[in-house]
Amino acid sequence: MSHDEKIEPNAKLIRMANQIGTFFLSKPREEGVAGTAEHINKFWEPRMRRQFFEIVDRGGEGLLPIVLDASATVRRPA
């Protein structure tokens, strides 16, 4: 566990989400937002998406704007 993860337990998930978003920043905005959401929907298990929405629902602190925009089409786990 890194120092950042001790301070912010969601640091790793935030970093992962932002890495995905950063990859899609080179695309046109709508395509980038859709690509970010699609990647999270395809490759993140429900537990990770649940944790992601806990962050989003608290205001999304630390997440890039593209990731926050993508959250609107990420599937919320039951």
Protein backbone atom coordinates (compact mmCIF):
# COMPACT_ATOMS: atom_id res chain seq x y z
CA MET A 1 0.00 0.00 0.00
CA SER A 2 1.42 3.35 -1.02
CA HIS A 3 1.50 6.44 1.16
CA ASP A 4 -1.32 8.00 -0.91
CA GLU A 5 -3.51 4.95 -0.36
CA LYS A 6 -3.05 5.21 3.42
CA ILE A 7 -4.22 8.82 3.29
CA GLU A 8 -6.96 8.27 0.68
CA PRO A 9 -8.17 4.64 0.52
CA ASN A 10 -9.67 5.29 -2.92
CA ALA A 11 -6.42 6.69 -4.36
CA LYS A 12 -5.68 3.61 -6.48
CA LEU A 13 -9.15 3.51 -8.02
CA ILE A 14 -9.06 7.27 -8.67
CA ARG A 15 -5.66 6.90 -10.31
CA MET A 16 -6.91 4.02 -12.48
CA ALA A 17 -10.03 5.93 -13.57
CA ASN A 18 -7.94 9.00 -14.40
CA GLN A 19 -5.49 6.88 -16.43
CA ILE A 20 -8.40 5.65 -18.53
CA GLY A 21 -9.72 9.18 -18.92
CA THR A 22 -6.28 10.52 -19.82
CA PHE A 23 -5.97 7.93 -22.59
CA PHE A 24 -9.23 9.17 -24.11
CA LEU A 25 -8.39 12.89 -23.83
CA SER A 26 -6.84 12.76 -27.31
CA LYS A 27 -10.24 11.86 -28.80
CA PRO A 28 -13.06 14.30 -29.56
CA ARG A 29 -14.90 15.04 -26.29
CA GLU A 30 -18.00 12.90 -26.83
CA GLU A 31 -15.95 9.98 -28.11
CA GLY A 32 -13.56 10.27 -25.17
CA VAL A 33 -16.35 10.32 -22.61
CA ALA A 34 -18.04 7.34 -24.28
CA GLY A 35 -14.73 5.44 -24.49
CA THR A 36 -13.99 6.04 -20.82
CA ALA A 37 -17.43 4.78 -19.79
CA GLU A 38 -17.22 1.80 -22.13
CA HIS A 39 -13.84 0.75 -20.72
CA ILE A 40 -15.07 0.96 -17.13
CA ASN A 41 -18.26 -0.95 -18.01
CA LYS A 42 -16.33 -3.70 -19.82
CA PHE A 43 -13.40 -4.23 -17.51
CA TRP A 44 -14.33 -3.14 -14.00
CA GLU A 45 -16.08 -5.67 -11.80
CA PRO A 46 -19.17 -4.55 -9.85
CA ARG A 47 -17.17 -4.05 -6.64
CA MET A 48 -14.89 -1.55 -8.41
CA ARG A 49 -17.84 0.27 -10.00
CA ARG A 50 -19.57 0.42 -6.59
CA GLN A 51 -16.46 2.04 -5.11
CA PHE A 52 -16.28 4.36 -8.14
CA PHE A 53 -19.85 5.55 -7.54
CA GLU A 54 -19.14 6.10 -3.86
CA ILE A 55 -16.47 8.58 -5.00
CA VAL A 56 -18.74 10.15 -7.65
CA ASP A 57 -21.65 10.46 -5.20
CA ARG A 58 -19.40 12.31 -2.73
CA GLY A 59 -18.58 14.87 -5.41
CA GLY A 60 -15.91 13.06 -7.41
CA GLU A 61 -12.93 14.73 -5.76
CA GLY A 62 -9.74 13.77 -7.57
CA LEU A 63 -11.45 12.53 -10.73
CA LEU A 64 -10.79 14.21 -14.06
CA PRO A 65 -13.75 15.99 -15.69
CA ILE A 66 -13.82 13.40 -18.51
CA VAL A 67 -14.22 10.63 -15.91
CA LEU A 68 -16.99 12.51 -14.11
CA ASP A 69 -18.78 13.06 -17.42
CA ALA A 70 -18.39 9.36 -18.25
CA SER A 71 -19.96 8.36 -14.93
CA ALA A 72 -23.38 9.28 -16.37
CA THR A 73 -23.21 6.20 -18.63
CA VAL A 74 -21.25 3.83 -16.42
CA ARG A 75 -23.53 1.03 -15.22
CA ARG A 76 -24.26 1.36 -11.52
CA PRO A 77 -24.03 -2.07 -9.86
CA ALA A 78 -27.08 -3.41 -8.04
